[in-house]
Amino acid sequence: MDLLYLYKLAFQPLEMMPVERRISDAESTGFGADWLTMVIQIACNATNKTSDDVLYNMSLTECNYYLINEIRKTDKEGNIKKRNSEEINKLIYERTFELGREYYKQNYLEKENGNHD
């Protein structure tokens, strides 16, 4: 797995928030140590695990789902929701083409240009 895919996977739960909220939260927290501490605390409260256990043994994706569930508790308008199948299919389609381009580049273009690893 490449690093970009892992990054996208880790933050995928946050896509359930409206775009305006994501931008606002990102600007106010910066996804730094303060934000990570908040996410760890929420995951600890939800699972009754220690902060060390959450930090070292729980994926960021799972922690972000606990964050979304916590935000959902106060979401009176129902803005926190999963994407529909059409949106998910579009993401899968785009990722498939991205992987295909990478495969072609690594296996054909580099060899055609004389880059033999």
Protein backbone atom coordinates (compact mmCIF):
# COMPACT_ATOMS: atom_id res chain seq x y z
CA MET A 1 0.00 0.00 0.00
CA ASP A 2 1.23 3.45 -0.79
CA LEU A 3 1.33 6.32 1.67
CA LEU A 4 -1.29 8.41 -0.16
CA TYR A 5 -3.80 5.54 0.00
CA LEU A 6 -3.19 5.11 3.75
CA TYR A 7 -3.65 8.84 4.27
CA LYS A 8 -6.93 8.84 2.34
CA LEU A 9 -8.12 5.77 4.25
CA ALA A 10 -7.27 7.30 7.63
CA PHE A 11 -9.25 10.46 6.98
CA GLN A 12 -12.11 8.88 5.04
CA PRO A 13 -14.47 8.93 8.06
CA LEU A 14 -14.18 12.73 8.16
CA GLU A 15 -15.75 12.86 4.70
CA MET A 16 -19.09 12.23 6.40
CA MET A 17 -18.97 15.81 7.66
CA PRO A 18 -20.21 18.63 5.42
CA VAL A 19 -17.39 20.25 3.45
CA GLU A 20 -17.83 23.59 5.22
CA ARG A 21 -17.41 21.94 8.61
CA ARG A 22 -14.32 20.00 7.48
CA ILE A 23 -12.65 23.19 6.25
CA SER A 24 -13.60 25.08 9.42
CA ASP A 25 -12.34 22.29 11.69
CA ALA A 26 -9.11 21.87 9.71
CA GLU A 27 -8.37 25.60 9.87
CA SER A 28 -9.09 25.86 13.59
CA THR A 29 -7.21 22.75 14.71
CA GLY A 30 -4.58 22.23 12.03
CA PHE A 31 -4.64 18.47 12.60
CA GLY A 32 -1.74 18.83 15.01
CA ALA A 33 -1.04 17.54 18.49
CA ASP A 34 -4.13 19.25 19.96
CA TRP A 35 -6.38 17.58 17.40
CA LEU A 36 -4.73 14.17 17.86
CA THR A 37 -5.09 14.44 21.63
CA MET A 38 -8.80 15.21 21.23
CA VAL A 39 -9.30 12.22 18.92
CA ILE A 40 -7.42 9.92 21.29
CA GLN A 41 -9.51 11.12 24.24
CA ILE A 42 -12.74 10.47 22.34
CA ALA A 43 -11.56 6.98 21.35
CA CYS A 44 -10.52 6.26 24.96
CA ASN A 45 -13.93 7.30 26.26
CA ALA A 46 -15.74 5.21 23.64
CA THR A 47 -13.68 2.06 24.14
CA ASN A 48 -12.49 2.26 27.77
CA LYS A 49 -8.92 1.79 26.55
CA THR A 50 -5.87 3.67 27.77
CA SER A 51 -4.43 6.50 25.73
CA ASP A 52 -1.29 4.43 25.06
CA ASP A 53 -3.41 1.55 23.79
CA VAL A 54 -5.36 3.83 21.48
CA LEU A 55 -2.28 5.69 20.28
CA TYR A 56 -0.18 2.62 19.52
CA ASN A 57 -2.70 -0.12 18.75
CA MET A 58 -5.71 1.54 17.12
CA SER A 59 -5.74 2.77 13.54
CA LEU A 60 -6.33 6.44 12.82
CA THR A 61 -9.26 5.38 10.66
CA GLU A 62 -10.94 3.72 13.64
CA CYS A 63 -10.21 6.73 15.87
CA ASN A 64 -11.74 9.04 13.28
CA TYR A 65 -14.91 6.92 13.23
CA TYR A 66 -15.18 7.43 17.00
CA LEU A 67 -14.72 11.16 16.39
CA ILE A 68 -17.51 11.16 13.79
CA ASN A 69 -19.81 9.26 16.15
CA GLU A 70 -19.14 11.82 18.87
CA ILE A 71 -19.89 14.71 16.51
CA ARG A 72 -23.01 12.91 15.30
CA LYS A 73 -24.45 13.05 18.85
CA THR A 74 -24.85 16.83 18.52
CA ASP A 75 -25.74 16.88 14.82
CA LYS A 76 -29.37 18.00 14.98
CA GLU A 77 -29.68 18.59 11.20
CA GLY A 78 -28.41 15.15 10.19
CA ASN A 79 -25.43 16.53 8.27
CA ILE A 80 -23.11 13.73 9.38
CA LYS A 81 -23.85 10.85 7.03
CA LYS A 82 -22.26 8.25 4.82
CA ARG A 83 -21.84 9.00 1.16
CA ASN A 84 -24.24 7.39 -1.24
CA SER A 85 -23.29 4.50 -3.54
CA GLU A 86 -22.79 6.80 -6.52
CA GLU A 87 -20.14 8.80 -4.68
CA ILE A 88 -18.42 5.64 -3.46
CA ASN A 89 -18.48 4.12 -6.96
CA LYS A 90 -16.91 7.29 -8.35
CA LEU A 91 -14.09 7.09 -5.81
CA ILE A 92 -13.49 3.41 -6.59
CA TYR A 93 -13.50 4.15 -10.33
CA GLU A 94 -10.99 7.00 -9.91
CA ARG A 95 -8.72 4.89 -7.69
CA THR A 96 -8.79 2.03 -10.21
CA PHE A 97 -7.61 4.35 -12.97
CA GLU A 98 -4.98 5.86 -10.67
CA LEU A 99 -3.58 2.40 -9.91
CA GLY A 100 -3.70 1.50 -13.62
CA ARG A 101 -1.71 4.61 -14.55
CA GLU A 102 0.87 3.85 -11.86
CA TYR A 103 1.18 0.24 -13.04
CA TYR A 104 1.57 1.29 -16.68
CA LYS A 105 4.15 3.93 -15.76
CA GLN A 106 6.21 1.49 -13.68
CA ASN A 107 6.01 -1.45 -16.04
CA TYR A 108 5.97 0.07 -19.50
CA LEU A 109 6.89 3.74 -19.70
CA GLU A 110 10.04 3.49 -17.61
CA LYS A 111 11.21 0.44 -19.59
CA GLU A 112 10.48 2.17 -22.91
CA ASN A 113 12.55 5.15 -21.80
CA GLY A 114 15.50 2.94 -20.87
CA ASN A 115 15.01 2.98 -17.11
CA HIS A 116 15.58 -0.67 -16.28
CA ASP A 117 15.71 -1.11 -12.52
